[in-house]
C-alpha atoms as a PDB file:
ATOM      1  CA  MET A   1      35.212   6.283  33.694  1.00  0.00           C
ATOM      2  CA  SER A   2      35.045  10.215  34.064  1.00  0.00           C
ATOM      3  CA  THR A   3      32.089  12.194  33.826  1.00  0.00           C
ATOM      4  CA  LYS A   4      33.652  13.510  30.104  1.00  0.00           C
ATOM      5  CA  LEU A   5      33.892   9.599  28.985  1.00  0.00           C
ATOM      6  CA  LYS A   6      30.974   8.684  29.983  1.00  0.00           C
ATOM      7  CA  SER A   7      28.975  11.471  28.170  1.00  0.00           C
ATOM      8  CA  ILE A   8      31.043  10.267  24.817  1.00  0.00           C
ATOM      9  CA  SER A   9      30.210   6.870  25.813  1.00  0.00           C
ATOM     10  CA  SER A  10      26.361   7.635  25.764  1.00  0.00           C
ATOM     11  CA  GLU A  11      26.625   9.491  23.054  1.00  0.00           C
ATOM     12  CA  ALA A  12      28.348   6.772  20.947  1.00  0.00           C
ATOM     13  CA  SER A  13      25.836   4.308  22.460  1.00  0.00           C
ATOM     14  CA  GLY A  14      23.122   6.650  20.856  1.00  0.00           C
ATOM     15  CA  ALA A  15      24.204   7.409  18.179  1.00  0.00           C
ATOM     16  CA  ASP A  16      24.824   3.414  17.266  1.00  0.00           C
ATOM     17  CA  GLN A  17      20.803   2.481  18.484  1.00  0.00           C
ATOM     18  CA  GLU A  18      19.718   5.449  15.890  1.00  0.00           C
ATOM     19  CA  ASP A  19      22.002   3.729  13.040  1.00  0.00           C
ATOM     20  CA  ALA A  20      20.304   0.653  13.981  1.00  0.00           C
ATOM     21  CA  VAL A  21      16.857   2.259  13.486  1.00  0.00           C
ATOM     22  CA  THR A  22      17.666   3.532  10.464  1.00  0.00           C
ATOM     23  CA  LEU A  23      19.005   0.322   8.989  1.00  0.00           C
ATOM     24  CA  GLY A  24      16.225  -1.530  10.063  1.00  0.00           C
ATOM     25  CA  GLN A  25      13.624   1.020   8.772  1.00  0.00           C
ATOM     26  CA  TYR A  26      15.549   1.165   5.567  1.00  0.00           C
ATOM     27  CA  ALA A  27      15.413  -2.792   5.309  1.00  0.00           C
ATOM     28  CA  TYR A  28      11.910  -2.835   6.086  1.00  0.00           C
ATOM     29  CA  GLY A  29      10.800  -0.109   3.499  1.00  0.00           C
ATOM     30  CA  GLN A  30      12.847  -1.864   0.652  1.00  0.00           C
ATOM     31  CA  ILE A  31      11.883  -5.613   1.444  1.00  0.00           C
ATOM     32  CA  ARG A  32       8.468  -4.512   1.570  1.00  0.00           C
ATOM     33  CA  SER A  33       8.365  -2.665  -1.588  1.00  0.00           C
ATOM     34  CA  ASP A  34      10.089  -5.654  -3.098  1.00  0.00           C
ATOM     35  CA  ILE A  35       7.077  -7.597  -2.187  1.00  0.00           C
ATOM     36  CA  LEU A  36       4.469  -5.724  -3.011  1.00  0.00           C
ATOM     37  CA  LYS A  37       5.787  -4.648  -6.667  1.00  0.00           C
ATOM     38  CA  GLY A  38       6.194  -8.578  -7.193  1.00  0.00           C
ATOM     39  CA  HIS A  39      10.033  -8.468  -7.472  1.00  0.00           C
ATOM     40  CA  PHE A  40       9.644 -10.929  -4.562  1.00  0.00           C
ATOM     41  CA  PRO A  41       7.138 -13.590  -5.997  1.00  0.00           C
ATOM     42  CA  ALA A  42       4.734 -15.429  -3.469  1.00  0.00           C
ATOM     43  CA  GLY A  43       6.108 -18.148  -1.808  1.00  0.00           C
ATOM     44  CA  SER A  44       9.449 -17.302  -2.800  1.00  0.00           C
ATOM     45  CA  PRO A  45      12.423 -17.682   0.068  1.00  0.00           C
ATOM     46  CA  LEU A  46      13.943 -14.598   1.634  1.00  0.00           C
ATOM     47  CA  ARG A  47      17.329 -16.064   2.393  1.00  0.00           C
ATOM     48  CA  LEU A  48      19.291 -13.567   4.591  1.00  0.00           C
ATOM     49  CA  GLN A  49      22.727 -14.030   2.392  1.00  0.00           C
ATOM     50  CA  ALA A  50      20.656 -12.959  -0.515  1.00  0.00           C
ATOM     51  CA  LEU A  51      19.004 -10.055   0.812  1.00  0.00           C
ATOM     52  CA  LYS A  52      22.262  -9.078   2.522  1.00  0.00           C
ATOM     53  CA  ASP A  53      24.289  -9.144  -0.750  1.00  0.00           C
ATOM     54  CA  ARG A  54      20.971  -7.479  -2.524  1.00  0.00           C
ATOM     55  CA  TYR A  55      20.883  -4.600  -0.117  1.00  0.00           C
ATOM     56  CA  GLY A  56      24.119  -4.280   1.328  1.00  0.00           C
ATOM     57  CA  LEU A  57      23.203  -4.817   4.978  1.00  0.00           C
ATOM     58  CA  SER A  58      23.896  -7.124   8.102  1.00  0.00           C
ATOM     59  CA  PHE A  59      21.610  -9.795   9.326  1.00  0.00           C
ATOM     60  CA  SER A  60      20.380  -7.924  11.950  1.00  0.00           C
ATOM     61  CA  PRO A  61      18.193  -5.127  10.386  1.00  0.00           C
ATOM     62  CA  LEU A  62      16.915  -7.945   7.814  1.00  0.00           C
ATOM     63  CA  ARG A  63      15.798 -10.077  10.646  1.00  0.00           C
ATOM     64  CA  GLU A  64      13.950  -7.163  12.004  1.00  0.00           C
ATOM     65  CA  ALA A  65      12.521  -6.129   8.920  1.00  0.00           C
ATOM     66  CA  LEU A  66      11.292  -9.731   8.331  1.00  0.00           C
ATOM     67  CA  ASN A  67       9.795 -10.331  11.669  1.00  0.00           C
ATOM     68  CA  ARG A  68       8.285  -6.706  11.293  1.00  0.00           C
ATOM     69  CA  LEU A  69       7.002  -7.991   7.861  1.00  0.00           C
ATOM     70  CA  GLN A  70       5.566 -11.143   9.373  1.00  0.00           C
ATOM     71  CA  SER A  71       3.255  -9.435  11.590  1.00  0.00           C
ATOM     72  CA  GLU A  72       1.941  -7.561   8.564  1.00  0.00           C
ATOM     73  CA  ARG A  73       1.159 -10.745   6.977  1.00  0.00           C
ATOM     74  CA  LEU A  74       3.721 -10.358   3.845  1.00  0.00           C
ATOM     75  CA  VAL A  75       6.298 -12.774   5.552  1.00  0.00           C
ATOM     76  CA  ASP A  76       5.949 -16.252   6.833  1.00  0.00           C
ATOM     77  CA  SER A  77       8.530 -18.140   9.236  1.00  0.00           C
ATOM     78  CA  VAL A  78       9.266 -21.776   7.881  1.00  0.00           C
ATOM     79  CA  ALA A  79      10.428 -23.764  10.678  1.00  0.00           C
ATOM     80  CA  ALA A  80      14.052 -25.203  10.194  1.00  0.00           C
ATOM     81  CA  ARG A  81      13.594 -22.920   6.274  1.00  0.00           C
ATOM     82  CA  GLY A  82      13.672 -19.475   7.242  1.00  0.00           C
ATOM     83  CA  PHE A  83      11.515 -16.722   5.713  1.00  0.00           C
ATOM     84  CA  ARG A  84       9.374 -16.835   2.419  1.00  0.00           C
ATOM     85  CA  VAL A  85       7.081 -14.395   1.138  1.00  0.00           C
ATOM     86  CA  THR A  86       3.184 -15.027   2.117  1.00  0.00           C
ATOM     87  CA  GLU A  87       1.483 -16.945  -0.749  1.00  0.00           C
ATOM     88  CA  VAL A  88      -1.463 -15.577  -2.235  1.00  0.00           C
ATOM     89  CA  SER A  89      -5.054 -16.756  -3.302  1.00  0.00           C
ATOM     90  CA  LEU A  90      -8.298 -15.125  -4.696  1.00  0.00           C
ATOM     91  CA  GLU A  91      -9.675 -16.189  -1.411  1.00  0.00           C
ATOM     92  CA  GLU A  92      -7.287 -14.173   0.784  1.00  0.00           C
ATOM     93  CA  MET A  93      -7.660 -11.282  -1.968  1.00  0.00           C
ATOM     94  CA  TRP A  94     -11.276 -11.228  -1.590  1.00  0.00           C
ATOM     95  CA  ASP A  95     -10.956 -11.253   1.981  1.00  0.00           C
ATOM     96  CA  ALA A  96      -8.753  -8.170   2.215  1.00  0.00           C
ATOM     97  CA  ILE A  97     -10.845  -6.480  -0.156  1.00  0.00           C
ATOM     98  CA  GLU A  98     -14.308  -7.046   1.663  1.00  0.00           C
ATOM     99  CA  THR A  99     -13.079  -5.808   4.994  1.00  0.00           C
ATOM    100  CA  ARG A 100     -11.253  -2.697   3.280  1.00  0.00           C
ATOM    101  CA  ILE A 101     -15.114  -2.112   2.155  1.00  0.00           C
ATOM    102  CA  LEU A 102     -16.600  -2.284   5.597  1.00  0.00           C
ATOM    103  CA  VAL A 103     -13.730  -0.165   7.143  1.00  0.00           C
ATOM    104  CA  ASP A 104     -13.437   2.223   4.527  1.00  0.00           C
ATOM    105  CA  CYS A 105     -16.880   2.901   3.663  1.00  0.00           C
ATOM    106  CA  GLU A 106     -17.658   3.693   7.064  1.00  0.00           C
ATOM    107  CA  GLY A 107     -14.341   5.713   7.504  1.00  0.00           C
ATOM    108  CA  LEU A 108     -15.461   7.832   4.617  1.00  0.00           C
ATOM    109  CA  ARG A 109     -19.229   8.146   5.812  1.00  0.00           C
ATOM    110  CA  ARG A 110     -17.653   9.556   9.138  1.00  0.00           C
ATOM    111  CA  SER A 111     -15.282  11.998   7.206  1.00  0.00           C
ATOM    112  CA  ILE A 112     -17.905  13.192   5.261  1.00  0.00           C
ATOM    113  CA  ASP A 113     -20.056  13.916   8.014  1.00  0.00           C
ATOM    114  CA  ARG A 114     -17.271  15.237  10.196  1.00  0.00           C
ATOM    115  CA  GLY A 115     -14.799  17.163   7.798  1.00  0.00           C
ATOM    116  CA  ASP A 116     -13.915  20.658   7.813  1.00  0.00           C
ATOM    117  CA  ASP A 117     -12.749  23.056   5.177  1.00  0.00           C
ATOM    118  CA  ASP A 118      -9.165  21.493   5.810  1.00  0.00           C
ATOM    119  CA  TRP A 119     -10.335  18.479   4.768  1.00  0.00           C
ATOM    120  CA  GLU A 120     -12.136  19.297   1.838  1.00  0.00           C
ATOM    121  CA  GLY A 121      -8.977  21.484   0.511  1.00  0.00           C
ATOM    122  CA  ARG A 122      -6.493  18.589   1.731  1.00  0.00           C
ATOM    123  CA  LEU A 123      -9.083  16.157  -0.461  1.00  0.00           C
ATOM    124  CA  ILE A 124      -9.254  18.300  -3.759  1.00  0.00           C
ATOM    125  CA  GLY A 125      -5.212  18.819  -3.519  1.00  0.00           C
ATOM    126  CA  ALA A 126      -4.981  14.892  -3.494  1.00  0.00           C
ATOM    127  CA  PHE A 127      -7.609  14.541  -6.351  1.00  0.00           C
ATOM    128  CA  HIS A 128      -5.697  17.243  -8.260  1.00  0.00           C
ATOM    129  CA  ALA A 129      -2.506  15.264  -7.975  1.00  0.00           C
ATOM    130  CA  LEU A 130      -4.027  12.089  -9.003  1.00  0.00           C
ATOM    131  CA  ALA A 131      -5.628  13.676 -11.986  1.00  0.00           C
ATOM    132  CA  LYS A 132      -2.452  15.418 -13.438  1.00  0.00           C
ATOM    133  CA  CYS A 133      -0.588  12.077 -13.152  1.00  0.00           C
ATOM    134  CA  ILE A 134      -3.154  10.293 -15.127  1.00  0.00           C
ATOM    135  CA  GLU A 135      -3.613  13.228 -17.414  1.00  0.00           C
ATOM    136  CA  ARG A 136       0.093  12.807 -18.078  1.00  0.00           C
ATOM    137  CA  SER A 137      -0.177   9.366 -18.446  1.00  0.00           C
ATOM    138  CA  LEU A 138      -3.110   9.696 -21.445  1.00  0.00           C
ATOM    139  CA  ALA A 139      -0.918  12.631 -23.035  1.00  0.00           C
ATOM    140  CA  ARG A 140       2.174  10.161 -23.348  1.00  0.00           C
ATOM    141  CA  ASP A 141      -0.041   7.139 -24.872  1.00  0.00           C
ATOM    142  CA  GLN A 142       2.411   4.577 -24.303  1.00  0.00           C
ATOM    143  CA  ASP A 143       3.466   1.912 -21.859  1.00  0.00           C
ATOM    144  CA  PRO A 144       4.363   3.297 -18.571  1.00  0.00           C
ATOM    145  CA  THR A 145       7.599   2.606 -17.021  1.00  0.00           C
ATOM    146  CA  GLU A 146       7.593   0.938 -13.599  1.00  0.00           C
ATOM    147  CA  ASP A 147       8.384   4.424 -11.746  1.00  0.00           C
ATOM    148  CA  GLU A 148       5.175   6.096 -13.438  1.00  0.00           C
ATOM    149  CA  VAL A 149       3.154   3.150 -12.450  1.00  0.00           C
ATOM    150  CA  ALA A 150       4.853   3.774  -8.663  1.00  0.00           C
ATOM    151  CA  GLU A 151       4.211   7.154  -9.078  1.00  0.00           C
ATOM    152  CA  LEU A 152      -0.088   6.846  -9.856  1.00  0.00           C
ATOM    153  CA  GLU A 153      -0.050   4.063  -7.390  1.00  0.00           C
ATOM    154  CA  ASP A 154       1.453   6.661  -4.436  1.00  0.00           C
ATOM    155  CA  ARG A 155      -0.883   9.141  -5.631  1.00  0.00           C
ATOM    156  CA  HIS A 156      -3.927   7.257  -5.389  1.00  0.00           C
ATOM    157  CA  ARG A 157      -3.017   5.682  -1.924  1.00  0.00           C
ATOM    158  CA  THR A 158      -2.818   9.795  -0.702  1.00  0.00           C
ATOM    159  CA  PHE A 159      -6.065  10.142  -2.362  1.00  0.00           C
ATOM    160  CA  HIS A 160      -7.749   7.059  -0.721  1.00  0.00           C
ATOM    161  CA  LEU A 161      -6.248   8.155   2.602  1.00  0.00           C
ATOM    162  CA  THR A 162      -7.332  11.340   2.524  1.00  0.00           C
ATOM    163  CA  LEU A 163     -10.893  10.345   2.028  1.00  0.00           C
ATOM    164  CA  LEU A 164     -10.732   8.812   5.263  1.00  0.00           C
ATOM    165  CA  SER A 165      -8.427  11.324   6.993  1.00  0.00           C
ATOM    166  CA  ALA A 166     -11.711  13.690   8.903  1.00  0.00           C
ATOM    167  CA  SER A 167     -12.897  10.238  10.176  1.00  0.00           C
ATOM    168  CA  GLY A 168     -11.626  10.910  13.540  1.00  0.00           C
ATOM    169  CA  SER A 169     -10.269   7.396  14.280  1.00  0.00           C
ATOM    170  CA  GLN A 170      -6.864   6.823  14.222  1.00  0.00           C
ATOM    171  CA  TRP A 171      -7.014   3.085  14.257  1.00  0.00           C
ATOM    172  CA  MET A 172      -9.909   3.002  11.283  1.00  0.00           C
ATOM    173  CA  GLN A 173      -7.229   5.021   9.220  1.00  0.00           C
ATOM    174  CA  ASN A 174      -4.179   2.709  10.063  1.00  0.00           C
ATOM    175  CA  ILE A 175      -6.364  -0.305   9.528  1.00  0.00           C
ATOM    176  CA  SER A 176      -7.412   1.240   6.233  1.00  0.00           C
ATOM    177  CA  ALA A 177      -3.817   1.721   5.242  1.00  0.00           C
ATOM    178  CA  GLN A 178      -2.708  -1.516   5.921  1.00  0.00           C
ATOM    179  CA  LEU A 179      -5.252  -3.336   3.705  1.00  0.00           C
ATOM    180  CA  TYR A 180      -4.590  -1.220   1.165  1.00  0.00           C
ATOM    181  CA  ASP A 181      -0.906  -1.597   1.008  1.00  0.00           C
ATOM    182  CA  HIS A 182      -1.800  -5.558   1.402  1.00  0.00           C
ATOM    183  CA  THR A 183      -3.887  -5.465  -1.750  1.00  0.00           C
ATOM    184  CA  GLN A 184      -1.112  -3.828  -3.476  1.00  0.00           C
ATOM    185  CA  ARG A 185       0.542  -6.983  -4.187  1.00  0.00           C
ATOM    186  CA  TYR A 186      -2.418  -8.190  -5.977  1.00  0.00           C
ATOM    187  CA  ARG A 187      -3.265  -5.133  -7.956  1.00  0.00           C
ATOM    188  CA  TRP A 188       0.271  -4.298  -8.633  1.00  0.00           C
ATOM    189  CA  PRO A 189       0.905  -6.710 -11.737  1.00  0.00           C
ATOM    190  CA  TYR A 190      -2.432  -6.300 -13.290  1.00  0.00           C
ATOM    191  CA  PHE A 191      -2.241  -2.473 -12.679  1.00  0.00           C
ATOM    192  CA  VAL A 192       0.841  -2.097 -14.952  1.00  0.00           C
ATOM    193  CA  ALA A 193      -0.501  -4.211 -17.439  1.00  0.00           C
ATOM    194  CA  SER A 194      -3.615  -2.096 -17.514  1.00  0.00           C
ATOM    195  CA  ALA A 195      -1.825   1.021 -17.322  1.00  0.00           C
ATOM    196  CA  SER A 196      -1.810   1.553 -20.748  1.00  0.00           C
ATOM    197  CA  ASN A 197      -5.495   1.137 -21.362  1.00  0.00           C
ATOM    198  CA  SER A 198      -6.486   4.518 -22.204  1.00  0.00           C
ATOM    199  CA  SER A 199     -10.181   3.947 -21.759  1.00  0.00           C
ATOM    200  CA  LEU A 200      -9.720   2.522 -18.432  1.00  0.00           C
ATOM    201  CA  LYS A 201      -7.698   5.111 -16.951  1.00  0.00           C
ATOM    202  CA  ARG A 202     -10.310   7.586 -18.073  1.00  0.00           C
ATOM    203  CA  TYR A 203     -13.081   5.700 -16.339  1.00  0.00           C
ATOM    204  CA  PHE A 204     -10.951   5.518 -13.350  1.00  0.00           C
ATOM    205  CA  LEU A 205     -10.239   9.236 -13.456  1.00  0.00           C
ATOM    206  CA  GLU A 206     -14.040  10.267 -13.877  1.00  0.00           C
ATOM    207  CA  GLU A 207     -15.204   7.512 -10.914  1.00  0.00           C
ATOM    208  CA  ASN A 208     -12.856   9.203  -8.542  1.00  0.00           C
ATOM    209  CA  LYS A 209     -13.892  12.723  -9.560  1.00  0.00           C
ATOM    210  CA  LYS A 210     -17.483  11.485  -8.939  1.00  0.00           C
ATOM    211  CA  ILE A 211     -16.449  10.235  -5.248  1.00  0.00           C
ATOM    212  CA  VAL A 212     -14.839  13.676  -4.785  1.00  0.00           C
ATOM    213  CA  GLU A 213     -18.279  15.739  -5.895  1.00  0.00           C
ATOM    214  CA  LEU A 214     -20.695  13.428  -3.892  1.00  0.00           C
ATOM    215  CA  SER A 215     -18.382  13.748  -0.763  1.00  0.00           C
ATOM    216  CA  LEU A 216     -18.027  17.481  -0.982  1.00  0.00           C
ATOM    217  CA  ALA A 217     -21.977  17.738  -1.599  1.00  0.00           C
ATOM    218  CA  ARG A 218     -21.965  15.845   1.858  1.00  0.00           C
ATOM    219  CA  SER A 219     -24.015  13.063  -0.210  1.00  0.00           C
ATOM    220  CA  SER A 220     -22.970  10.301   2.055  1.00  0.00           C
ATOM    221  CA  ASP A 221     -24.849   7.299   0.877  1.00  0.00           C
ATOM    222  CA  GLU A 222     -24.266   7.798  -2.761  1.00  0.00           C
ATOM    223  CA  ALA A 223     -20.609   8.693  -2.049  1.00  0.00           C
ATOM    224  CA  VAL A 224     -20.011   5.600   0.233  1.00  0.00           C
ATOM    225  CA  LYS A 225     -22.162   3.367  -2.480  1.00  0.00           C
ATOM    226  CA  MET A 226     -19.616   4.210  -5.301  1.00  0.00           C
ATOM    227  CA  PHE A 227     -16.628   3.959  -3.228  1.00  0.00           C
ATOM    228  CA  ALA A 228     -17.900   0.330  -2.017  1.00  0.00           C
ATOM    229  CA  ALA A 229     -18.398  -0.437  -5.662  1.00  0.00           C
ATOM    230  CA  SER A 230     -15.090   0.985  -6.804  1.00  0.00           C
ATOM    231  CA  ILE A 231     -13.205  -0.980  -4.372  1.00  0.00           C
ATOM    232  CA  HIS A 232     -15.032  -4.573  -5.609  1.00  0.00           C
ATOM    233  CA  ARG A 233     -14.733  -3.569  -9.103  1.00  0.00           C
ATOM    234  CA  THR A 234     -10.923  -3.220  -8.741  1.00  0.00           C
ATOM    235  CA  GLY A 235     -11.363  -7.422  -7.333  1.00  0.00           C
ATOM    236  CA  GLU A 236     -13.441  -8.269 -10.269  1.00  0.00           C
ATOM    237  CA  LEU A 237     -10.592  -6.728 -12.545  1.00  0.00           C
ATOM    238  CA  ILE A 238      -7.961  -8.374 -10.944  1.00  0.00           C
ATOM    239  CA  GLU A 239      -9.701 -12.035 -10.814  1.00  0.00           C
ATOM    240  CA  THR A 240     -10.804 -11.540 -14.299  1.00  0.00           C
ATOM    241  CA  LEU A 241      -7.120 -10.513 -15.750  1.00  0.00           C
ATOM    242  CA  SER A 242      -5.188 -12.977 -13.492  1.00  0.00           C
ATOM    243  CA  LYS A 243      -7.081 -16.016 -14.991  1.00  0.00           C
ATOM    244  CA  ASP A 244      -4.870 -18.865 -13.284  1.00  0.00           C
ATOM    245  CA  ASP A 245      -1.986 -16.563 -12.123  1.00  0.00           C
ATOM    246  CA  ILE A 246      -3.608 -17.011  -8.583  1.00  0.00           C
ATOM    247  CA  PRO A 247      -4.848 -19.779  -6.987  1.00  0.00           C
ATOM    248  CA  ARG A 248      -8.248 -19.947  -5.771  1.00  0.00           C
ATOM    249  CA  HIS A 249      -7.324 -20.970  -2.067  1.00  0.00           C
ATOM    250  CA  ARG A 250      -4.014 -20.056  -0.279  1.00  0.00           C
ATOM    251  CA  GLU A 251      -1.579 -23.256  -0.583  1.00  0.00           C
ATOM    252  CA  GLY A 252       0.542 -24.116   2.434  1.00  0.00           C
END
């Protein structure tokens, strides 16, 4: 093979690999989002043919995405039956929430201790973006669309991770992000149901504003205490609203 043909072949191979990575990442993002938003209920099968029809992708990137989601405990592999969405339970939810409190409170404490002017600026900006989203929702005074709830959830996630972003530990930030995302599948349906509650949204806004103020004032003990209470209160709200929708213990 000539040098020119080898070069063309190498470039084509590189392009194919890049396309495969892009398709795998796309499949991962789409399936993950649909699981977290409850479009695929807990315990439901994830059949490759149905996913292929839904997303217009081949089996290879879909398998890659499902294996990745299995490592994140969002998908289970069942012998001779393929993949399914991981079951939910209040026991598992509280396990994740209590672990979040341990990790996130230490991360916030470290950020308050180590955060510089840049962190303060990013924190103020993240809270401002969250507050504007809530204020627009309050002004509309109507049930939010799924896109509006997704925007609110996204801005809250950014705000939450910004609080911890000066901790100095990438591992801590990565674990925090994974736990935050894992508990989203519990929060989402009840977040949608309560998003039209004006009193709850105002309380949510004021609570986060106070956490920012305490963080900027370097009042770490008070900030961490309020942060922990906020995360725990979310779990209590989910448990109250879930009634019998979420089993106490995980099935299977």
